[in-house]
Amino acid sequence: MFRIGHGYDVHRLDSNRKLILGGVEIPHTAGLLGHSDADVLLHAVTDALLGAAAMGDIGGLFPDTDSRYKDADSLEFLRAAAKELARRGYSISNIDATVVAQRPRLSGYMPDMRKNIARACFIGEDRVSVKATTEEGLGFTGACEGIAAHAICIIY
């Protein structure tokens, strides 16, 4: 039986942080504010995987009240979730994710993001899609200077 999960995350930009998306450090004037490295893309993917398996969300496994996760690498969160899915007998069929950001342009970084997600999930890159959109200055990211991500994952 196939199971489908959806994940969503959003963080505000902060000029005192590095911008990390999909495990890739991207040159920009600001990074994302959060307890960990605030990688919205990996957080959305992690939530989608956990949701597909009815295992809650990223905050349940890695609470932002726990100092062990301060500035943590979100690839470790994703890897741990993928390992737990495998331990419970699930396999990942595919991951489809979208980053919503007014800036910076992300197309040149997509191949490395896909590679990082695939490696963390122990699957081939051909099972991972990462896209980006700007929303043309509308919506949350246009009004609030933030970055968001959505992900859908299918497991079996």
Protein backbone atom coordinates (compact mmCIF):
# COMPACT_ATOMS: atom_id res chain seq x y z
CA MET A 1 0.00 0.00 0.00
CA PHE A 2 1.29 3.44 -0.91
CA ARG A 3 1.17 6.18 1.71
CA ILE A 4 1.45 9.89 0.96
CA GLY A 5 2.73 12.61 3.27
CA HIS A 6 2.81 16.39 2.92
CA GLY A 7 5.29 18.70 4.63
CA TYR A 8 5.47 22.47 4.90
CA ASP A 9 7.89 24.79 6.62
CA VAL A 10 8.64 28.51 6.61
CA HIS A 11 11.30 30.67 8.26
CA ARG A 12 12.02 34.38 8.36
CA LEU A 13 15.26 35.71 6.87
CA ASP A 14 17.90 36.96 9.30
CA SER A 15 21.02 38.90 8.27
CA ASN A 16 23.09 37.16 10.97
CA ARG A 17 22.61 33.64 9.58
CA LYS A 18 23.91 31.58 6.66
CA LEU A 19 21.37 30.50 4.06
CA ILE A 20 21.20 26.72 3.86
CA LEU A 21 18.66 25.01 1.61
CA GLY A 22 18.67 21.31 0.82
CA GLY A 23 21.93 21.02 2.75
CA VAL A 24 23.62 23.52 0.41
CA GLU A 25 25.09 26.79 1.67
CA ILE A 26 23.92 29.49 -0.73
CA PRO A 27 25.58 32.91 -0.92
CA HIS A 28 23.00 35.50 0.13
CA THR A 29 22.63 38.58 2.30
CA ALA A 30 20.65 36.64 4.92
CA GLY A 31 19.96 33.15 6.16
CA LEU A 32 16.98 31.59 7.85
CA LEU A 33 16.16 32.14 11.49
CA GLY A 34 15.55 28.99 13.50
CA HIS A 35 16.78 26.72 16.27
CA SER A 36 18.65 24.36 13.94
CA ASP A 37 20.21 25.43 10.64
CA ALA A 38 16.59 26.33 9.67
CA ASP A 39 16.75 24.48 6.33
CA VAL A 40 13.11 24.83 5.30
CA LEU A 41 13.48 22.44 2.39
CA LEU A 42 14.83 19.58 4.50
CA HIS A 43 12.31 20.30 7.26
CA ALA A 44 9.42 20.06 4.77
CA VAL A 45 10.78 16.81 3.32
CA THR A 46 11.31 15.34 6.80
CA ASP A 47 7.76 16.28 7.81
CA ALA A 48 6.35 14.75 4.61
CA LEU A 49 8.15 11.46 5.24
CA LEU A 50 7.07 11.35 8.86
CA GLY A 51 3.52 12.25 7.88
CA ALA A 52 3.34 9.45 5.31
CA ALA A 53 4.20 6.97 8.06
CA ALA A 54 1.86 8.63 10.61
CA MET A 55 4.89 9.38 12.81
CA GLY A 56 4.10 12.99 13.68
CA ASP A 57 6.40 15.82 12.67
CA ILE A 58 10.00 16.96 12.91
CA GLY A 59 9.37 18.75 16.22
CA GLY A 60 8.34 15.47 17.83
CA LEU A 61 11.69 13.85 17.05
CA PHE A 62 13.90 16.96 17.26
CA PRO A 63 12.21 19.52 19.53
CA ASP A 64 13.44 23.10 19.32
CA THR A 65 13.45 23.16 23.11
CA ASP A 66 16.33 20.65 23.17
CA SER A 67 19.77 22.31 23.18
CA ARG A 68 21.27 19.26 21.40
CA TYR A 69 19.61 20.50 18.21
CA LYS A 70 20.80 24.11 18.42
CA ASP A 71 22.30 24.97 15.00
CA ALA A 72 22.01 21.27 14.03
CA ASP A 73 22.47 20.11 10.45
CA SER A 74 19.01 19.31 9.10
CA LEU A 75 20.47 16.59 6.87
CA GLU A 76 20.91 14.64 10.11
CA PHE A 77 17.21 15.08 10.89
CA LEU A 78 16.26 13.81 7.43
CA ARG A 79 18.70 10.88 7.64
CA ALA A 80 17.33 9.87 11.06
CA ALA A 81 13.74 10.01 9.79
CA ALA A 82 14.65 7.89 6.74
CA LYS A 83 16.39 5.34 8.97
CA GLU A 84 13.34 5.16 11.25
CA LEU A 85 11.06 4.63 8.25
CA ALA A 86 13.29 1.78 7.08
CA ARG A 87 13.34 0.30 10.58
CA ARG A 88 9.52 0.24 10.48
CA GLY A 89 9.57 -1.53 7.12
CA TYR A 90 8.83 1.42 4.81
CA SER A 91 10.59 2.31 1.57
CA ILE A 92 10.62 5.74 -0.05
CA SER A 93 9.11 5.79 -3.53
CA ASN A 94 9.66 9.45 -4.36
CA ILE A 95 10.04 12.97 -2.97
CA ASP A 96 8.71 16.08 -4.70
CA ALA A 97 9.55 19.44 -3.11
CA THR A 98 9.16 23.12 -3.93
CA VAL A 99 11.03 26.05 -2.38
CA VAL A 100 9.17 29.38 -2.34
CA ALA A 101 11.58 32.32 -2.24
CA GLN A 102 11.69 35.78 -3.80
CA ARG A 103 15.46 35.65 -3.79
CA PRO A 104 18.08 34.35 -4.30
CA ARG A 105 17.67 32.45 -7.55
CA LEU A 106 18.12 28.76 -6.79
CA SER A 107 18.28 26.92 -10.11
CA GLY A 108 22.07 26.49 -10.02
CA TYR A 109 21.88 24.79 -6.62
CA MET A 110 19.09 22.31 -7.38
CA PRO A 111 21.34 19.41 -8.48
CA ASP A 112 23.26 19.49 -5.18
CA MET A 113 20.03 19.75 -3.18
CA ARG A 114 18.64 16.69 -4.96
CA LYS A 115 21.87 14.80 -4.35
CA ASN A 116 21.88 15.67 -0.64
CA ILE A 117 18.25 14.63 -0.15
CA ALA A 118 18.74 11.37 -2.06
CA ARG A 119 21.84 10.45 -0.04
CA ALA A 120 20.18 11.27 3.28
CA CYS A 121 17.20 9.11 2.33
CA PHE A 122 19.26 6.24 0.85
CA ILE A 123 17.51 6.50 -2.53
CA GLY A 124 18.53 7.39 -6.07
CA GLU A 125 18.49 10.99 -7.28
CA ASP A 126 15.94 9.96 -9.90
CA ARG A 127 13.42 9.67 -7.04
CA VAL A 128 13.92 13.27 -5.85
CA SER A 129 12.54 16.43 -7.45
CA VAL A 130 13.33 19.92 -6.18
CA LYS A 131 11.76 22.99 -7.76
CA ALA A 132 11.62 26.69 -6.88
CA THR A 133 9.15 29.50 -7.44
CA THR A 134 9.07 33.18 -6.52
CA GLU A 135 5.28 33.71 -6.19
CA GLU A 136 5.91 36.89 -8.22
CA GLY A 137 6.16 38.99 -5.04
CA LEU A 138 2.78 37.80 -3.70
CA GLY A 139 1.89 35.76 -0.64
CA PHE A 140 3.89 35.23 2.52
CA THR A 141 7.34 35.29 0.97
CA GLY A 142 6.59 38.51 -0.89
CA ALA A 143 5.23 40.36 2.11
CA CYS A 144 7.41 39.06 4.94
CA GLU A 145 10.89 38.36 3.57
CA GLY A 146 10.89 34.68 4.33
CA ILE A 147 11.43 31.39 2.57
CA ALA A 148 9.00 28.49 2.57
CA ALA A 149 9.03 24.93 1.26
CA HIS A 150 6.42 22.28 0.48
CA ALA A 151 7.10 18.58 0.00
CA ILE A 152 5.09 15.52 -0.89
CA CYS A 153 6.54 12.07 -0.29
CA ILE A 154 5.24 8.67 -1.24
CA ILE A 155 6.31 5.61 0.73
CA TYR A 156 5.33 1.97 0.59
